[in-house]
Amino acid sequence: MGRQNFGGFGGGANMQQLMRQAQKMQQQMQEAQDKLDEAEYEATAGGGMVTVKVSGKREITSIAIDPQVVDPDDIEMLQDLITAAVNEALRKGEEAREEAMNRMAPGMGGLF
């Protein structure tokens, strides 16, 4: 019985080359992931009255609140500003992550 060719993956040398390429891509993706984890993203709300920084690991690293926005009679506004700034910072980080992953695997579309 003859040797079957599985879509170009039949030769041992071809398989080894594919494995090396896969390992290289995996290493590049891990390096990109590490770089993204180390990044920091910042967003503001209320014209800069609330500033939030998040890490690439999606953790809040700092929140700065301008004392002028602290009104004991309107805590709801402060809560809304903090929420808006946190969500914007997280969105920026997620966009950067998607961009980086799509650059690594352009043929995979929205996989990441």
N, C-alpha and C. Protein backbone atom coordinates (compact mmCIF):
# COMPACT_ATOMS: atom_id res chain seq x y z
N MET A 1 0.86 -1.17 0.00
CA MET A 1 0.00 0.00 0.00
C MET A 1 0.90 1.23 0.00
N GLY A 2 0.57 2.23 -0.80
CA GLY A 2 1.42 3.40 -0.94
C GLY A 2 1.31 4.36 0.23
N ARG A 3 2.28 5.23 0.32
CA ARG A 3 2.33 6.23 1.38
C ARG A 3 1.30 7.32 1.09
N GLN A 4 0.50 7.64 2.07
CA GLN A 4 -0.53 8.66 1.87
C GLN A 4 0.04 10.04 2.16
N ASN A 5 -0.42 11.00 1.39
CA ASN A 5 -0.02 12.39 1.59
C ASN A 5 -1.20 13.12 2.21
N PHE A 6 -1.10 13.50 3.44
CA PHE A 6 -2.19 14.16 4.15
C PHE A 6 -2.12 15.68 3.96
N GLY A 7 -2.57 16.12 2.79
CA GLY A 7 -2.64 17.55 2.53
C GLY A 7 -1.30 18.25 2.62
N GLY A 8 -0.26 17.61 2.16
CA GLY A 8 1.06 18.24 2.20
C GLY A 8 1.80 17.99 3.50
N PHE A 9 1.21 17.23 4.42
CA PHE A 9 1.85 16.98 5.71
C PHE A 9 2.50 15.60 5.76
N GLY A 10 2.63 14.95 4.59
CA GLY A 10 3.11 13.58 4.57
C GLY A 10 4.59 13.43 4.86
N GLY A 11 5.42 14.33 4.39
CA GLY A 11 6.86 14.17 4.56
C GLY A 11 7.32 14.52 5.96
N GLY A 12 8.27 13.75 6.48
CA GLY A 12 8.79 14.00 7.82
C GLY A 12 9.45 15.36 7.95
N ALA A 13 10.18 15.76 6.89
CA ALA A 13 10.86 17.06 6.93
C ALA A 13 9.84 18.19 6.97
N ASN A 14 8.75 18.03 6.19
CA ASN A 14 7.71 19.05 6.20
C ASN A 14 7.07 19.17 7.58
N MET A 15 6.84 18.03 8.22
CA MET A 15 6.21 18.03 9.54
C MET A 15 7.14 18.69 10.55
N GLN A 16 8.42 18.42 10.47
CA GLN A 16 9.38 19.04 11.39
C GLN A 16 9.41 20.55 11.17
N GLN A 17 9.36 20.97 9.92
CA GLN A 17 9.37 22.40 9.62
C GLN A 17 8.10 23.05 10.18
N LEU A 18 6.97 22.41 10.01
CA LEU A 18 5.71 22.93 10.55
C LEU A 18 5.76 23.03 12.07
N MET A 19 6.34 22.02 12.70
CA MET A 19 6.46 22.03 14.16
C MET A 19 7.34 23.18 14.63
N ARG A 20 8.45 23.41 13.92
CA ARG A 20 9.35 24.53 14.27
C ARG A 20 8.62 25.87 14.10
N GLN A 21 7.86 25.99 13.02
CA GLN A 21 7.11 27.23 12.79
C GLN A 21 6.06 27.43 13.87
N ALA A 22 5.40 26.36 14.27
CA ALA A 22 4.38 26.45 15.31
C ALA A 22 5.02 26.84 16.64
N GLN A 23 6.18 26.26 16.95
CA GLN A 23 6.87 26.60 18.19
C GLN A 23 7.32 28.06 18.18
N LYS A 24 7.81 28.51 17.03
CA LYS A 24 8.25 29.90 16.91
C LYS A 24 7.07 30.84 17.10
N MET A 25 5.95 30.51 16.48
CA MET A 25 4.75 31.34 16.62
C MET A 25 4.26 31.35 18.06
N GLN A 26 4.30 30.19 18.71
CA GLN A 26 3.88 30.11 20.11
C GLN A 26 4.79 30.98 20.99
N GLN A 27 6.09 30.96 20.73
CA GLN A 27 7.03 31.77 21.49
C GLN A 27 6.75 33.26 21.26
N GLN A 28 6.50 33.64 20.01
CA GLN A 28 6.21 35.03 19.69
C GLN A 28 4.91 35.48 20.36
N MET A 29 3.92 34.61 20.38
CA MET A 29 2.66 34.95 21.03
C MET A 29 2.84 35.10 22.54
N GLN A 30 3.66 34.26 23.14
CA GLN A 30 3.92 34.37 24.58
C GLN A 30 4.65 35.67 24.89
N GLU A 31 5.61 36.03 24.04
CA GLU A 31 6.33 37.29 24.24
C GLU A 31 5.39 38.48 24.11
N ALA A 32 4.49 38.43 23.13
CA ALA A 32 3.50 39.50 22.96
C ALA A 32 2.58 39.56 24.17
N GLN A 33 2.17 38.40 24.67
CA GLN A 33 1.29 38.34 25.86
C GLN A 33 2.00 38.95 27.07
N ASP A 34 3.26 38.62 27.26
CA ASP A 34 4.03 39.16 28.39
C ASP A 34 4.13 40.68 28.28
N LYS A 35 4.38 41.15 27.07
CA LYS A 35 4.49 42.60 26.85
C LYS A 35 3.16 43.30 27.15
N LEU A 36 2.07 42.69 26.71
CA LEU A 36 0.75 43.25 26.99
C LEU A 36 0.44 43.26 28.48
N ASP A 37 0.83 42.20 29.18
CA ASP A 37 0.60 42.12 30.63
C ASP A 37 1.35 43.22 31.38
N GLU A 38 2.51 43.62 30.86
CA GLU A 38 3.33 44.64 31.51
C GLU A 38 2.87 46.07 31.19
N ALA A 39 2.04 46.22 30.17
CA ALA A 39 1.60 47.55 29.73
C ALA A 39 0.63 48.15 30.75
N GLU A 40 0.48 49.48 30.66
CA GLU A 40 -0.46 50.18 31.52
C GLU A 40 -1.32 51.08 30.65
N TYR A 41 -2.60 51.14 30.97
CA TYR A 41 -3.55 51.93 30.20
C TYR A 41 -4.23 52.92 31.13
N GLU A 42 -4.45 54.12 30.63
CA GLU A 42 -5.02 55.19 31.45
C GLU A 42 -6.22 55.79 30.75
N ALA A 43 -7.22 56.15 31.54
CA ALA A 43 -8.40 56.82 31.00
C ALA A 43 -8.89 57.82 32.04
N THR A 44 -9.56 58.85 31.54
CA THR A 44 -10.12 59.86 32.42
C THR A 44 -11.60 60.01 32.16
N ALA A 45 -12.29 60.61 33.12
CA ALA A 45 -13.71 60.92 32.98
C ALA A 45 -13.95 62.27 33.64
N GLY A 46 -15.03 62.90 33.24
CA GLY A 46 -15.37 64.19 33.84
C GLY A 46 -14.35 65.26 33.52
N GLY A 47 -13.83 65.25 32.31
CA GLY A 47 -12.84 66.26 31.93
C GLY A 47 -11.55 66.17 32.72
N GLY A 48 -11.19 64.96 33.11
CA GLY A 48 -9.95 64.75 33.85
C GLY A 48 -10.12 64.76 35.36
N MET A 49 -11.35 64.84 35.82
CA MET A 49 -11.59 64.86 37.27
C MET A 49 -11.31 63.50 37.92
N VAL A 50 -11.47 62.43 37.14
CA VAL A 50 -11.17 61.08 37.62
C VAL A 50 -10.25 60.43 36.60
N THR A 51 -9.12 59.92 37.09
CA THR A 51 -8.16 59.23 36.23
C THR A 51 -7.94 57.83 36.79
N VAL A 52 -8.03 56.85 35.90
CA VAL A 52 -7.85 55.45 36.30
C VAL A 52 -6.76 54.84 35.44
N LYS A 53 -5.89 54.07 36.07
CA LYS A 53 -4.87 53.31 35.36
C LYS A 53 -5.11 51.83 35.63
N VAL A 54 -5.01 51.04 34.55
CA VAL A 54 -5.13 49.59 34.68
C VAL A 54 -3.93 48.93 34.03
N SER A 55 -3.60 47.75 34.52
CA SER A 55 -2.50 46.99 33.95
C SER A 55 -3.03 46.15 32.80
N GLY A 56 -2.11 45.62 32.03
CA GLY A 56 -2.48 44.71 30.95
C GLY A 56 -3.10 43.42 31.48
N LYS A 57 -2.95 43.18 32.77
CA LYS A 57 -3.56 42.01 33.39
C LYS A 57 -4.98 42.31 33.86
N ARG A 58 -5.48 43.48 33.43
CA ARG A 58 -6.85 43.90 33.74
C ARG A 58 -7.06 44.16 35.23
N GLU A 59 -6.04 44.72 35.88
CA GLU A 59 -6.14 45.07 37.29
C GLU A 59 -5.99 46.58 37.42
N ILE A 60 -6.81 47.19 38.26
CA ILE A 60 -6.69 48.62 38.51
C ILE A 60 -5.42 48.85 39.31
N THR A 61 -4.57 49.74 38.79
CA THR A 61 -3.32 50.04 39.50
C THR A 61 -3.40 51.36 40.25
N SER A 62 -4.26 52.29 39.80
CA SER A 62 -4.45 53.53 40.55
C SER A 62 -5.72 54.24 40.11
N ILE A 63 -6.26 55.00 41.05
CA ILE A 63 -7.40 55.88 40.79
C ILE A 63 -7.06 57.22 41.41
N ALA A 64 -7.14 58.28 40.60
CA ALA A 64 -6.90 59.64 41.10
C ALA A 64 -8.20 60.43 40.94
N ILE A 65 -8.60 61.08 42.03
CA ILE A 65 -9.84 61.85 42.03
C ILE A 65 -9.51 63.29 42.41
N ASP A 66 -9.90 64.22 41.55
CA ASP A 66 -9.72 65.64 41.83
C ASP A 66 -10.65 66.00 42.99
N PRO A 67 -10.13 66.62 44.05
CA PRO A 67 -10.96 66.96 45.21
C PRO A 67 -12.20 67.80 44.87
N GLN A 68 -12.14 68.55 43.77
CA GLN A 68 -13.28 69.38 43.39
C GLN A 68 -14.51 68.55 43.03
N VAL A 69 -14.31 67.32 42.61
CA VAL A 69 -15.43 66.49 42.20
C VAL A 69 -16.08 65.76 43.38
N VAL A 70 -15.45 65.84 44.54
CA VAL A 70 -15.98 65.15 45.72
C VAL A 70 -17.04 66.04 46.37
N ASP A 71 -18.29 65.68 46.12
CA ASP A 71 -19.43 66.41 46.67
C ASP A 71 -20.26 65.43 47.48
N PRO A 72 -20.28 65.56 48.80
CA PRO A 72 -21.01 64.61 49.64
C PRO A 72 -22.50 64.52 49.27
N ASP A 73 -23.03 65.56 48.63
CA ASP A 73 -24.44 65.55 48.25
C ASP A 73 -24.67 64.90 46.89
N ASP A 74 -23.58 64.55 46.19
CA ASP A 74 -23.73 63.94 44.87
C ASP A 74 -22.71 62.82 44.67
N ILE A 75 -22.77 61.85 45.54
CA ILE A 75 -21.88 60.69 45.47
C ILE A 75 -22.13 59.92 44.17
N GLU A 76 -23.36 59.92 43.70
CA GLU A 76 -23.71 59.19 42.49
C GLU A 76 -22.88 59.65 41.29
N MET A 77 -22.65 60.96 41.17
CA MET A 77 -21.86 61.47 40.06
C MET A 77 -20.42 60.95 40.14
N LEU A 78 -19.85 60.95 41.33
CA LEU A 78 -18.49 60.44 41.51
C LEU A 78 -18.42 58.95 41.15
N GLN A 79 -19.40 58.21 41.58
CA GLN A 79 -19.44 56.79 41.25
C GLN A 79 -19.52 56.58 39.74
N ASP A 80 -20.35 57.38 39.08
CA ASP A 80 -20.48 57.28 37.62
C ASP A 80 -19.16 57.63 36.92
N LEU A 81 -18.47 58.65 37.41
CA LEU A 81 -17.19 59.03 36.80
C LEU A 81 -16.15 57.94 36.97
N ILE A 82 -16.10 57.36 38.15
CA ILE A 82 -15.14 56.27 38.39
C ILE A 82 -15.46 55.08 37.50
N THR A 83 -16.72 54.72 37.42
CA THR A 83 -17.13 53.60 36.57
C THR A 83 -16.77 53.86 35.11
N ALA A 84 -17.05 55.08 34.64
CA ALA A 84 -16.74 55.42 33.24
C ALA A 84 -15.24 55.35 32.96
N ALA A 85 -14.44 55.87 33.88
CA ALA A 85 -12.99 55.86 33.69
C ALA A 85 -12.43 54.44 33.72
N VAL A 86 -12.91 53.63 34.65
CA VAL A 86 -12.45 52.24 34.74
C VAL A 86 -12.81 51.49 33.45
N ASN A 87 -14.05 51.62 33.01
CA ASN A 87 -14.47 50.92 31.80
C ASN A 87 -13.67 51.37 30.58
N GLU A 88 -13.38 52.65 30.47
CA GLU A 88 -12.62 53.16 29.34
C GLU A 88 -11.17 52.64 29.37
N ALA A 89 -10.56 52.62 30.55
CA ALA A 89 -9.20 52.11 30.66
C ALA A 89 -9.15 50.63 30.30
N LEU A 90 -10.11 49.86 30.78
CA LEU A 90 -10.17 48.44 30.44
C LEU A 90 -10.40 48.24 28.94
N ARG A 91 -11.24 49.07 28.35
CA ARG A 91 -11.50 48.98 26.91
C ARG A 91 -10.22 49.25 26.12
N LYS A 92 -9.45 50.26 26.54
CA LYS A 92 -8.18 50.57 25.86
C LYS A 92 -7.23 49.38 25.93
N GLY A 93 -7.14 48.78 27.09
CA GLY A 93 -6.28 47.61 27.24
C GLY A 93 -6.73 46.45 26.38
N GLU A 94 -8.03 46.23 26.31
CA GLU A 94 -8.56 45.13 25.50
C GLU A 94 -8.32 45.39 24.01
N GLU A 95 -8.48 46.64 23.58
CA GLU A 95 -8.21 46.97 22.18
C GLU A 95 -6.75 46.71 21.83
N ALA A 96 -5.85 47.10 22.72
CA ALA A 96 -4.42 46.88 22.48
C ALA A 96 -4.12 45.39 22.40
N ARG A 97 -4.75 44.62 23.26
CA ARG A 97 -4.55 43.16 23.27
C ARG A 97 -5.05 42.55 21.96
N GLU A 98 -6.25 42.94 21.52
CA GLU A 98 -6.79 42.41 20.27
C GLU A 98 -5.93 42.79 19.08
N GLU A 99 -5.47 44.05 19.06
CA GLU A 99 -4.60 44.51 17.97
C GLU A 99 -3.33 43.68 17.90
N ALA A 100 -2.70 43.48 19.04
CA ALA A 100 -1.44 42.74 19.08
C ALA A 100 -1.65 41.29 18.65
N MET A 101 -2.69 40.67 19.11
CA MET A 101 -2.95 39.28 18.76
C MET A 101 -3.31 39.15 17.27
N ASN A 102 -4.05 40.10 16.75
CA ASN A 102 -4.41 40.04 15.33
C ASN A 102 -3.18 40.28 14.45
N ARG A 103 -2.22 41.05 14.92
CA ARG A 103 -0.96 41.22 14.16
C ARG A 103 -0.18 39.92 14.15
N MET A 104 -0.28 39.16 15.23
CA MET A 104 0.45 37.88 15.32
C MET A 104 -0.17 36.84 14.39
N ALA A 105 -1.49 36.86 14.27
CA ALA A 105 -2.18 35.84 13.48
C ALA A 105 -3.21 36.53 12.57
N PRO A 106 -2.74 37.23 11.54
CA PRO A 106 -3.66 38.01 10.72
C PRO A 106 -4.73 37.17 10.02
N GLY A 107 -4.46 35.95 9.73
CA GLY A 107 -5.43 35.11 9.05
C GLY A 107 -6.50 34.55 9.98
N MET A 108 -6.39 34.79 11.27
CA MET A 108 -7.33 34.20 12.21
C MET A 108 -8.44 35.16 12.62
N GLY A 109 -8.49 36.32 12.03
CA GLY A 109 -9.59 37.26 12.27
C GLY A 109 -9.80 37.54 13.73
N GLY A 110 -11.04 37.44 14.20
CA GLY A 110 -11.40 37.76 15.57
C GLY A 110 -11.20 36.63 16.55
N LEU A 111 -10.30 35.72 16.27
CA LEU A 111 -10.08 34.58 17.15
C LEU A 111 -9.70 35.02 18.56
N PHE A 112 -8.91 36.09 18.66
CA PHE A 112 -8.46 36.55 19.96
C PHE A 112 -9.34 37.67 20.41
